[in-house]
Amino acid sequence: MAIIVNLDVMLAKRKMSLTELSEKVGITMSNLSILKKGKAKAIRFSTLEAICAVLECQPGDLLDYDK
């Protein structure tokens, strides 16, 4: 069982780079990279909210659950 992070998919759909997202959200590139690679152990709701606001998406667009 795992949570799959689809940040790279949403970035591609929005034609946005990780660097641009980092600047707009105010999160370091390294933290976004960890999240993008699925290596994060947790994510703050405020971070998720900020990413969703910039990418104009819902949390469910970024996160999937895989049995």
PDB file of N, CA and C in Angstrom:
ATOM      1  N   MET A   1       0.838  -1.179   0.000  1.00  0.00           N
ATOM      2  CA  MET A   1       0.000   0.000   0.000  1.00  0.00           C
ATOM      3  C   MET A   1       0.883   1.243   0.000  1.00  0.00           C
ATOM      4  N   ALA A   2       0.462   2.213  -0.789  1.00  0.00           N
ATOM      5  CA  ALA A   2       1.285   3.414  -0.889  1.00  0.00           C
ATOM      6  C   ALA A   2       0.460   4.586  -1.390  1.00  0.00           C
ATOM      7  N   ILE A   3       0.897   5.768  -1.010  1.00  0.00           N
ATOM      8  CA  ILE A   3       0.346   7.001  -1.548  1.00  0.00           C
ATOM      9  C   ILE A   3       1.239   7.411  -2.713  1.00  0.00           C
ATOM     10  N   ILE A   4       0.636   7.627  -3.861  1.00  0.00           N
ATOM     11  CA  ILE A   4       1.363   8.029  -5.060  1.00  0.00           C
ATOM     12  C   ILE A   4       1.184   9.536  -5.243  1.00  0.00           C
ATOM     13  N   VAL A   5       2.295  10.243  -5.412  1.00  0.00           N
ATOM     14  CA  VAL A   5       2.258  11.692  -5.617  1.00  0.00           C
ATOM     15  C   VAL A   5       2.390  11.972  -7.109  1.00  0.00           C
ATOM     16  N   ASN A   6       1.391  12.639  -7.669  1.00  0.00           N
ATOM     17  CA  ASN A   6       1.357  12.941  -9.101  1.00  0.00           C
ATOM     18  C   ASN A   6       1.742  14.390  -9.394  1.00  0.00           C
ATOM     19  N   LEU A   7       2.684  14.907  -8.641  1.00  0.00           N
ATOM     20  CA  LEU A   7       3.095  16.294  -8.830  1.00  0.00           C
ATOM     21  C   LEU A   7       3.682  16.522 -10.215  1.00  0.00           C
ATOM     22  N   ASP A   8       4.470  15.577 -10.702  1.00  0.00           N
ATOM     23  CA  ASP A   8       5.068  15.721 -12.023  1.00  0.00           C
ATOM     24  C   ASP A   8       4.005  15.758 -13.121  1.00  0.00           C
ATOM     25  N   VAL A   9       2.937  14.995 -12.950  1.00  0.00           N
ATOM     26  CA  VAL A   9       1.845  14.987 -13.931  1.00  0.00           C
ATOM     27  C   VAL A   9       1.154  16.349 -13.963  1.00  0.00           C
ATOM     28  N   MET A  10       0.868  16.900 -12.774  1.00  0.00           N
ATOM     29  CA  MET A  10       0.200  18.199 -12.708  1.00  0.00           C
ATOM     30  C   MET A  10       1.097  19.318 -13.245  1.00  0.00           C
ATOM     31  N   LEU A  11       2.384  19.235 -12.964  1.00  0.00           N
ATOM     32  CA  LEU A  11       3.314  20.231 -13.499  1.00  0.00           C
ATOM     33  C   LEU A  11       3.330  20.185 -15.025  1.00  0.00           C
ATOM     34  N   ALA A  12       3.326  18.986 -15.580  1.00  0.00           N
ATOM     35  CA  ALA A  12       3.319  18.840 -17.043  1.00  0.00           C
ATOM     36  C   ALA A  12       2.019  19.390 -17.630  1.00  0.00           C
ATOM     37  N   LYS A  13       0.888  19.100 -16.982  1.00  0.00           N
ATOM     38  CA  LYS A  13      -0.405  19.603 -17.471  1.00  0.00           C
ATOM     39  C   LYS A  13      -0.459  21.123 -17.449  1.00  0.00           C
ATOM     40  N   ARG A  14       0.185  21.722 -16.458  1.00  0.00           N
ATOM     41  CA  ARG A  14       0.167  23.181 -16.315  1.00  0.00           C
ATOM     42  C   ARG A  14       1.350  23.841 -17.022  1.00  0.00           C
ATOM     43  N   LYS A  15       2.212  23.008 -17.635  1.00  0.00           N
ATOM     44  CA  LYS A  15       3.407  23.497 -18.326  1.00  0.00           C
ATOM     45  C   LYS A  15       4.224  24.401 -17.419  1.00  0.00           C
ATOM     46  N   MET A  16       4.478  23.886 -16.216  1.00  0.00           N
ATOM     47  CA  MET A  16       5.204  24.636 -15.191  1.00  0.00           C
ATOM     48  C   MET A  16       6.398  23.805 -14.722  1.00  0.00           C
ATOM     49  N   SER A  17       7.498  24.459 -14.462  1.00  0.00           N
ATOM     50  CA  SER A  17       8.683  23.764 -13.967  1.00  0.00           C
ATOM     51  C   SER A  17       8.631  23.668 -12.446  1.00  0.00           C
ATOM     52  N   LEU A  18       9.417  22.766 -11.911  1.00  0.00           N
ATOM     53  CA  LEU A  18       9.518  22.624 -10.454  1.00  0.00           C
ATOM     54  C   LEU A  18      10.096  23.903  -9.852  1.00  0.00           C
ATOM     55  N   THR A  19      11.003  24.539 -10.568  1.00  0.00           N
ATOM     56  CA  THR A  19      11.593  25.797 -10.106  1.00  0.00           C
ATOM     57  C   THR A  19      10.532  26.881 -10.001  1.00  0.00           C
ATOM     58  N   GLU A  20       9.692  26.992 -11.006  1.00  0.00           N
ATOM     59  CA  GLU A  20       8.622  27.996 -11.002  1.00  0.00           C
ATOM     60  C   GLU A  20       7.637  27.739  -9.865  1.00  0.00           C
ATOM     61  N   LEU A  21       7.271  26.472  -9.661  1.00  0.00           N
ATOM     62  CA  LEU A  21       6.370  26.124  -8.559  1.00  0.00           C
ATOM     63  C   LEU A  21       7.004  26.481  -7.224  1.00  0.00           C
ATOM     64  N   SER A  22       8.282  26.179  -7.075  1.00  0.00           N
ATOM     65  CA  SER A  22       9.008  26.484  -5.853  1.00  0.00           C
ATOM     66  C   SER A  22       8.948  27.976  -5.532  1.00  0.00           C
ATOM     67  N   GLU A  23       9.165  28.797  -6.535  1.00  0.00           N
ATOM     68  CA  GLU A  23       9.138  30.253  -6.347  1.00  0.00           C
ATOM     69  C   GLU A  23       7.742  30.749  -5.983  1.00  0.00           C
ATOM     70  N   LYS A  24       6.723  30.213  -6.639  1.00  0.00           N
ATOM     71  CA  LYS A  24       5.352  30.671  -6.417  1.00  0.00           C
ATOM     72  C   LYS A  24       4.778  30.204  -5.080  1.00  0.00           C
ATOM     73  N   VAL A  25       5.192  29.015  -4.638  1.00  0.00           N
ATOM     74  CA  VAL A  25       4.654  28.442  -3.394  1.00  0.00           C
ATOM     75  C   VAL A  25       5.504  28.834  -2.187  1.00  0.00           C
ATOM     76  N   GLY A  26       6.782  29.114  -2.423  1.00  0.00           N
ATOM     77  CA  GLY A  26       7.668  29.446  -1.310  1.00  0.00           C
ATOM     78  C   GLY A  26       8.198  28.225  -0.588  1.00  0.00           C
ATOM     79  N   ILE A  27       8.372  27.144  -1.331  1.00  0.00           N
ATOM     80  CA  ILE A  27       8.917  25.896  -0.782  1.00  0.00           C
ATOM     81  C   ILE A  27      10.230  25.619  -1.501  1.00  0.00           C
ATOM     82  N   THR A  28      11.207  25.126  -0.772  1.00  0.00           N
ATOM     83  CA  THR A  28      12.509  24.880  -1.379  1.00  0.00           C
ATOM     84  C   THR A  28      12.421  23.811  -2.466  1.00  0.00           C
ATOM     85  N   MET A  29      13.328  23.912  -3.416  1.00  0.00           N
ATOM     86  CA  MET A  29      13.403  22.924  -4.494  1.00  0.00           C
ATOM     87  C   MET A  29      13.628  21.523  -3.930  1.00  0.00           C
ATOM     88  N   SER A  30      14.463  21.425  -2.914  1.00  0.00           N
ATOM     89  CA  SER A  30      14.761  20.100  -2.361  1.00  0.00           C
ATOM     90  C   SER A  30      13.521  19.467  -1.732  1.00  0.00           C
ATOM     91  N   ASN A  31      12.717  20.261  -1.030  1.00  0.00           N
ATOM     92  CA  ASN A  31      11.493  19.713  -0.429  1.00  0.00           C
ATOM     93  C   ASN A  31      10.474  19.319  -1.495  1.00  0.00           C
ATOM     94  N   LEU A  32      10.344  20.120  -2.542  1.00  0.00           N
ATOM     95  CA  LEU A  32       9.441  19.760  -3.635  1.00  0.00           C
ATOM     96  C   LEU A  32       9.933  18.519  -4.369  1.00  0.00           C
ATOM     97  N   SER A  33      11.225  18.404  -4.522  1.00  0.00           N
ATOM     98  CA  SER A  33      11.801  17.241  -5.179  1.00  0.00           C
ATOM     99  C   SER A  33      11.521  15.968  -4.384  1.00  0.00           C
ATOM    100  N   ILE A  34      11.655  16.045  -3.073  1.00  0.00           N
ATOM    101  CA  ILE A  34      11.352  14.901  -2.203  1.00  0.00           C
ATOM    102  C   ILE A  34       9.893  14.510  -2.358  1.00  0.00           C
ATOM    103  N   LEU A  35       9.024  15.501  -2.379  1.00  0.00           N
ATOM    104  CA  LEU A  35       7.594  15.242  -2.553  1.00  0.00           C
ATOM    105  C   LEU A  35       7.318  14.635  -3.925  1.00  0.00           C
ATOM    106  N   LYS A  36       7.906  15.204  -4.956  1.00  0.00           N
ATOM    107  CA  LYS A  36       7.708  14.741  -6.330  1.00  0.00           C
ATOM    108  C   LYS A  36       8.146  13.288  -6.514  1.00  0.00           C
ATOM    109  N   LYS A  37       9.242  12.925  -5.868  1.00  0.00           N
ATOM    110  CA  LYS A  37       9.774  11.562  -5.994  1.00  0.00           C
ATOM    111  C   LYS A  37       9.032  10.561  -5.115  1.00  0.00           C
ATOM    112  N   GLY A  38       8.093  11.043  -4.298  1.00  0.00           N
ATOM    113  CA  GLY A  38       7.348  10.142  -3.428  1.00  0.00           C
ATOM    114  C   GLY A  38       8.115   9.701  -2.199  1.00  0.00           C
ATOM    115  N   LYS A  39       9.151  10.440  -1.845  1.00  0.00           N
ATOM    116  CA  LYS A  39       9.991  10.081  -0.697  1.00  0.00           C
ATOM    117  C   LYS A  39       9.551  10.776   0.594  1.00  0.00           C
ATOM    118  N   ALA A  40       8.575  11.683   0.502  1.00  0.00           N
ATOM    119  CA  ALA A  40       8.122  12.429   1.685  1.00  0.00           C
ATOM    120  C   ALA A  40       7.336  11.507   2.609  1.00  0.00           C
ATOM    121  N   LYS A  41       7.528  11.681   3.904  1.00  0.00           N
ATOM    122  CA  LYS A  41       6.795  10.904   4.908  1.00  0.00           C
ATOM    123  C   LYS A  41       5.500  11.599   5.295  1.00  0.00           C
ATOM    124  N   ALA A  42       5.420  12.914   5.070  1.00  0.00           N
ATOM    125  CA  ALA A  42       4.247  13.693   5.441  1.00  0.00           C
ATOM    126  C   ALA A  42       4.225  14.978   4.624  1.00  0.00           C
ATOM    127  N   ILE A  43       3.056  15.611   4.612  1.00  0.00           N
ATOM    128  CA  ILE A  43       2.921  16.913   3.976  1.00  0.00           C
ATOM    129  C   ILE A  43       1.936  17.733   4.807  1.00  0.00           C
ATOM    130  N   ARG A  44       2.277  18.967   5.062  1.00  0.00           N
ATOM    131  CA  ARG A  44       1.392  19.846   5.809  1.00  0.00           C
ATOM    132  C   ARG A  44       0.215  20.228   4.930  1.00  0.00           C
ATOM    133  N   PHE A  45      -0.944  20.395   5.558  1.00  0.00           N
ATOM    134  CA  PHE A  45      -2.118  20.844   4.806  1.00  0.00           C
ATOM    135  C   PHE A  45      -1.870  22.209   4.189  1.00  0.00           C
ATOM    136  N   SER A  46      -1.140  23.070   4.877  1.00  0.00           N
ATOM    137  CA  SER A  46      -0.863  24.403   4.333  1.00  0.00           C
ATOM    138  C   SER A  46      -0.009  24.312   3.076  1.00  0.00           C
ATOM    139  N   THR A  47       0.907  23.363   3.041  1.00  0.00           N
ATOM    140  CA  THR A  47       1.740  23.147   1.851  1.00  0.00           C
ATOM    141  C   THR A  47       0.896  22.603   0.710  1.00  0.00           C
ATOM    142  N   LEU A  48       0.070  21.620   1.021  1.00  0.00           N
ATOM    143  CA  LEU A  48      -0.812  21.035   0.012  1.00  0.00           C
ATOM    144  C   LEU A  48      -1.769  22.091  -0.543  1.00  0.00           C
ATOM    145  N   GLU A  49      -2.288  22.922   0.353  1.00  0.00           N
ATOM    146  CA  GLU A  49      -3.193  23.993  -0.061  1.00  0.00           C
ATOM    147  C   GLU A  49      -2.491  24.983  -0.992  1.00  0.00           C
ATOM    148  N   ALA A  50      -1.263  25.352  -0.660  1.00  0.00           N
ATOM    149  CA  ALA A  50      -0.503  26.300  -1.484  1.00  0.00           C
ATOM    150  C   ALA A  50      -0.207  25.721  -2.865  1.00  0.00           C
ATOM    151  N   ILE A  51       0.171  24.460  -2.918  1.00  0.00           N
ATOM    152  CA  ILE A  51       0.457  23.810  -4.203  1.00  0.00           C
ATOM    153  C   ILE A  51      -0.812  23.743  -5.046  1.00  0.00           C
ATOM    154  N   CYS A  52      -1.928  23.371  -4.419  1.00  0.00           N
ATOM    155  CA  CYS A  52      -3.202  23.293  -5.137  1.00  0.00           C
ATOM    156  C   CYS A  52      -3.634  24.663  -5.655  1.00  0.00           C
ATOM    157  N   ALA A  53      -3.396  25.702  -4.870  1.00  0.00           N
ATOM    158  CA  ALA A  53      -3.764  27.050  -5.296  1.00  0.00           C
ATOM    159  C   ALA A  53      -2.980  27.468  -6.528  1.00  0.00           C
ATOM    160  N   VAL A  54      -1.686  27.213  -6.527  1.00  0.00           N
ATOM    161  CA  VAL A  54      -0.837  27.603  -7.659  1.00  0.00           C
ATOM    162  C   VAL A  54      -1.149  26.760  -8.898  1.00  0.00           C
ATOM    163  N   LEU A  55      -1.357  25.460  -8.705  1.00  0.00           N
ATOM    164  CA  LEU A  55      -1.613  24.573  -9.842  1.00  0.00           C
ATOM    165  C   LEU A  55      -3.095  24.531 -10.237  1.00  0.00           C
ATOM    166  N   GLU A  56      -3.926  25.228  -9.448  1.00  0.00           N
ATOM    167  CA  GLU A  56      -5.370  25.252  -9.700  1.00  0.00           C
ATOM    168  C   GLU A  56      -5.922  23.838  -9.835  1.00  0.00           C
ATOM    169  N   CYS A  57      -5.715  23.051  -8.784  1.00  0.00           N
ATOM    170  CA  CYS A  57      -6.168  21.670  -8.773  1.00  0.00           C
ATOM    171  C   CYS A  57      -6.701  21.297  -7.397  1.00  0.00           C
ATOM    172  N   GLN A  58      -7.183  20.095  -7.274  1.00  0.00           N
ATOM    173  CA  GLN A  58      -7.669  19.547  -6.009  1.00  0.00           C
ATOM    174  C   GLN A  58      -6.609  18.606  -5.437  1.00  0.00           C
ATOM    175  N   PRO A  59      -6.609  18.392  -4.109  1.00  0.00           N
ATOM    176  CA  PRO A  59      -5.645  17.450  -3.524  1.00  0.00           C
ATOM    177  C   PRO A  59      -5.690  16.069  -4.180  1.00  0.00           C
ATOM    178  N   GLY A  60      -6.878  15.641  -4.565  1.00  0.00           N
ATOM    179  CA  GLY A  60      -7.022  14.341  -5.233  1.00  0.00           C
ATOM    180  C   GLY A  60      -6.358  14.282  -6.596  1.00  0.00           C
ATOM    181  N   ASP A  61      -6.097  15.447  -7.196  1.00  0.00           N
ATOM    182  CA  ASP A  61      -5.368  15.471  -8.459  1.00  0.00           C
ATOM    183  C   ASP A  61      -3.888  15.182  -8.245  1.00  0.00           C
ATOM    184  N   LEU A  62      -3.413  15.450  -7.035  1.00  0.00           N
ATOM    185  CA  LEU A  62      -1.991  15.277  -6.712  1.00  0.00           C
ATOM    186  C   LEU A  62      -1.693  13.943  -6.044  1.00  0.00           C
ATOM    187  N   LEU A  63      -2.666  13.399  -5.325  1.00  0.00           N
ATOM    188  CA  LEU A  63      -2.432  12.209  -4.518  1.00  0.00           C
ATOM    189  C   LEU A  63      -3.343  11.059  -4.927  1.00  0.00           C
ATOM    190  N   ASP A  64      -2.776   9.865  -5.045  1.00  0.00           N
ATOM    191  CA  ASP A  64      -3.530   8.640  -5.306  1.00  0.00           C
ATOM    192  C   ASP A  64      -3.144   7.622  -4.248  1.00  0.00           C
ATOM    193  N   TYR A  65      -4.063   6.695  -3.996  1.00  0.00           N
ATOM    194  CA  TYR A  65      -3.785   5.598  -3.075  1.00  0.00           C
ATOM    195  C   TYR A  65      -3.707   4.324  -3.895  1.00  0.00           C
ATOM    196  N   ASP A  66      -2.617   3.588  -3.755  1.00  0.00           N
ATOM    197  CA  ASP A  66      -2.404   2.350  -4.496  1.00  0.00           C
ATOM    198  C   ASP A  66      -2.350   1.182  -3.521  1.00  0.00           C
ATOM    199  N   LYS A  67      -3.258   0.250  -3.705  1.00  0.00           N
ATOM    200  CA  LYS A  67      -3.260  -0.941  -2.844  1.00  0.00           C
ATOM    201  C   LYS A  67      -2.133  -1.816  -3.257  1.00  0.00           C
TER     202      LYS A  67
END
